[in-house]
Amino acid sequence: MMERLLYLYGIILHEEANTSALSKWTGIDGHTNFEVLNYGECAAIVSSVKQDEFGEEALEEKTKKMDWVQEKAYLHHKILMALTDLSTLIPMKFCTIFQSEKSLKKKMEAHEKEWRAILHQLSGKEEWNVKIYNQPERLKEQIADQHPVIQKKKDQIAQLSKGMQYLQRKKLDQQIDDQVIQEQQNYVRHLHREWQAFSVDSAEKKIWNKSVTGKEEDMCWNGAFLIDLENVEGFLGKVTEANEQGEQAGWVIEVTGPWPPYHFSTLSKSEVG
C-alpha cells in the first residue's frame, strides 16, 4: 500500500488545537479535510494530497504553470490566515509536503522542542507589515523652501555675478538632491526607532522599485513588526500620526495586518520533507 502524502500548513501548540473547527475545513486540494497530528506539546496541521497533483514529479510540472501556482499559493495563504485566527501558528512555506507520516513524525520529533519555544514566544503577538513611500519632488520642494543650509546658500548665490550664479545654482540643485536622499534615510530611521518601541522584534524586507509596486512614489522602507496584542492599538496610532504629519513632504505609509508570523518563525525556512 502506497504511503499517503501530507501537506503541512503549520505547527501549533497541542493545547490550542480546535479539532472540531478544523475538521470541517478543506485543504489545499479543495476536497480533503484537515487533520491535527499531535507530537508532544506541538501539533501539525495537515491534509492528505494526491500523488498526481502534489507528488515530486507532478509538482515539477505544476509549478511551471503560473495559473496553478497563483491559485494554490493564494489558497495556502488564505488557509494560514484562518489558522492564525484560531491559534498561535508557525506557518509553513507553500508546498511543504511530506512523503509519509513517518517522515513527518521524524521531522516533528527532531524540532519539537525548538518549535515549542517559538510558539511560546509568538503567543499573544501579531505580525504587522509597514511600507514607507516618498514623493521625492514634494520633499525636494520642502527642502528647497525651508532647509536652513539651503536658504543660506541661496542668499550667498544672490550676491554673486550672473555667470557665477548659474554655476552655483547647478551645484545647489545637486546639493538639494543629496539632501533629499539624506532626509529620506533619516526620516525612515527615525520612524523605525519610534515603532520599535511598540514591538518585540522587527525585520527589514526587500525594497521594491516602481515597476513592481506600480506606484508613483519611491519605496524607502519595507519591513515587519512583531507586536504584543496590548501594544497594537498604540503602534497603529503612531503609524497613522506619522502618515498625517508626513503628507506635506510626500510621505505615504501603508500598514497591513495582522499576518501569520512569516518573518519571526524559523519554520518558514524549512525544506520539504
Foldseek 3Di string as FASTA:
>chain_A
DFAWKKFWWWKFFPVLDPQVVQQPDADLVRPWGWDWDDDPRMTTIITTDDCCCQNPVNCVVQVVDPVSVVSSQVRSQVVQQVVVVRGQTDGAHRNQMDRHVVRVNVVCVVCVVVVVVLSVVQPQKFKKKKWKWFDLVLLLVCCCVPPPVNVVLVVVLVPDDPVSSVVSVVVSSVVSVVVSVVVLVVVVVVLVVVLVVQAPDKDWDDFDACVVVVDNTGTSTIIMGMGRPVSPVVSVVSQVVCQVVCVSSGMHMDMDDRGRPCPRHPNRVDHRD
